[in-house]
């Protein structure tokens, strides 16, 4: 049986609270360090762009005749 005295219990609680504080502080720093990058759209002439969701399942309408 392991008995935790008051001094050791205080130390454990302080360590846990310090770890929670450090984790929360690092989480706020991550958002500040993000860099915003500008994007540009380039004109595409004479081309057709088709975006297909896919999802890995064949289209049921195309198989029926």
C-alpha atoms as a PDB file:
ATOM      1  CA  UNK A   1       0.000   0.000   0.000  1.00  0.00           C
ATOM      2  CA  UNK A   2       1.315   3.413  -0.932  1.00  0.00           C
ATOM      3  CA  UNK A   3       0.456   6.369   1.274  1.00  0.00           C
ATOM      4  CA  UNK A   4       0.631   9.868  -0.200  1.00  0.00           C
ATOM      5  CA  UNK A   5       1.394  12.528   2.341  1.00  0.00           C
ATOM      6  CA  UNK A   6       0.230  16.117   2.085  1.00  0.00           C
ATOM      7  CA  UNK A   7       3.533  17.431   0.704  1.00  0.00           C
ATOM      8  CA  UNK A   8       3.663  14.876  -2.109  1.00  0.00           C
ATOM      9  CA  UNK A   9      -0.013  15.441  -2.958  1.00  0.00           C
ATOM     10  CA  UNK A  10       0.581  19.194  -3.208  1.00  0.00           C
ATOM     11  CA  UNK A  11       3.544  18.571  -5.515  1.00  0.00           C
ATOM     12  CA  UNK A  12       1.476  16.296  -7.789  1.00  0.00           C
ATOM     13  CA  UNK A  13      -1.368  18.810  -8.031  1.00  0.00           C
ATOM     14  CA  UNK A  14       1.034  21.674  -8.805  1.00  0.00           C
ATOM     15  CA  UNK A  15       2.692  19.600 -11.548  1.00  0.00           C
ATOM     16  CA  UNK A  16      -0.670  18.762 -13.116  1.00  0.00           C
ATOM     17  CA  UNK A  17      -1.803  22.399 -13.048  1.00  0.00           C
ATOM     18  CA  UNK A  18       1.524  23.544 -14.501  1.00  0.00           C
ATOM     19  CA  UNK A  19       1.235  21.011 -17.326  1.00  0.00           C
ATOM     20  CA  UNK A  20      -2.319  22.171 -18.122  1.00  0.00           C
ATOM     21  CA  UNK A  21      -1.184  25.808 -18.142  1.00  0.00           C
ATOM     22  CA  UNK A  22       1.795  25.047 -20.424  1.00  0.00           C
ATOM     23  CA  UNK A  23      -0.401  23.099 -22.853  1.00  0.00           C
ATOM     24  CA  UNK A  24      -2.984  25.916 -22.993  1.00  0.00           C
ATOM     25  CA  UNK A  25      -0.255  28.539 -23.487  1.00  0.00           C
ATOM     26  CA  UNK A  26       1.338  26.615 -26.372  1.00  0.00           C
ATOM     27  CA  UNK A  27      -2.085  26.219 -27.978  1.00  0.00           C
ATOM     28  CA  UNK A  28      -2.568  29.982 -28.067  1.00  0.00           C
ATOM     29  CA  UNK A  29       0.945  30.560 -29.454  1.00  0.00           C
ATOM     30  CA  UNK A  30       0.304  28.223 -32.402  1.00  0.00           C
ATOM     31  CA  UNK A  31      -2.515  30.431 -33.668  1.00  0.00           C
ATOM     32  CA  UNK A  32      -0.396  33.581 -33.390  1.00  0.00           C
ATOM     33  CA  UNK A  33       2.501  32.115 -35.375  1.00  0.00           C
ATOM     34  CA  UNK A  34       0.367  31.274 -38.414  1.00  0.00           C
ATOM     35  CA  UNK A  35       1.361  33.132 -41.511  1.00  0.00           C
ATOM     36  CA  UNK A  36      -1.215  34.470 -43.959  1.00  0.00           C
ATOM     37  CA  UNK A  37      -0.351  33.796 -47.579  1.00  0.00           C
ATOM     38  CA  UNK A  38      -2.006  35.581 -50.466  1.00  0.00           C
ATOM     39  CA  UNK A  39      -3.411  33.472 -53.273  1.00  0.00           C
ATOM     40  CA  UNK A  40      -3.966  34.539 -56.835  1.00  0.00           C
ATOM     41  CA  UNK A  41      -6.232  33.241 -59.547  1.00  0.00           C
ATOM     42  CA  UNK A  42      -4.694  32.846 -62.959  1.00  0.00           C
ATOM     43  CA  UNK A  43      -6.953  33.079 -65.995  1.00  0.00           C
ATOM     44  CA  UNK A  44      -7.434  29.879 -67.970  1.00  0.00           C
ATOM     45  CA  UNK A  45      -8.546  30.501 -71.523  1.00  0.00           C
ATOM     46  CA  UNK A  46      -9.880  27.882 -73.908  1.00  0.00           C
ATOM     47  CA  UNK A  47     -10.063  25.155 -71.264  1.00  0.00           C
ATOM     48  CA  UNK A  48     -12.897  23.537 -69.337  1.00  0.00           C
ATOM     49  CA  UNK A  49     -12.269  22.582 -65.720  1.00  0.00           C
ATOM     50  CA  UNK A  50     -14.437  19.770 -64.328  1.00  0.00           C
ATOM     51  CA  UNK A  51     -14.391  18.937 -60.608  1.00  0.00           C
ATOM     52  CA  UNK A  52     -15.627  15.458 -59.751  1.00  0.00           C
ATOM     53  CA  UNK A  53     -16.251  14.494 -56.119  1.00  0.00           C
ATOM     54  CA  UNK A  54     -15.663  10.822 -56.876  1.00  0.00           C
ATOM     55  CA  UNK A  55     -16.126   9.115 -53.497  1.00  0.00           C
ATOM     56  CA  UNK A  56     -14.943   5.810 -55.052  1.00  0.00           C
ATOM     57  CA  UNK A  57     -18.426   4.616 -56.057  1.00  0.00           C
ATOM     58  CA  UNK A  58     -19.373   4.392 -59.756  1.00  0.00           C
ATOM     59  CA  UNK A  59     -22.231   6.606 -60.870  1.00  0.00           C
ATOM     60  CA  UNK A  60     -25.379   4.468 -60.953  1.00  0.00           C
ATOM     61  CA  UNK A  61     -27.001   6.544 -63.699  1.00  0.00           C
ATOM     62  CA  UNK A  62     -24.161   5.901 -66.144  1.00  0.00           C
ATOM     63  CA  UNK A  63     -24.523   2.077 -65.864  1.00  0.00           C
ATOM     64  CA  UNK A  64     -28.265   2.036 -66.627  1.00  0.00           C
ATOM     65  CA  UNK A  65     -29.249   2.152 -70.296  1.00  0.00           C
END
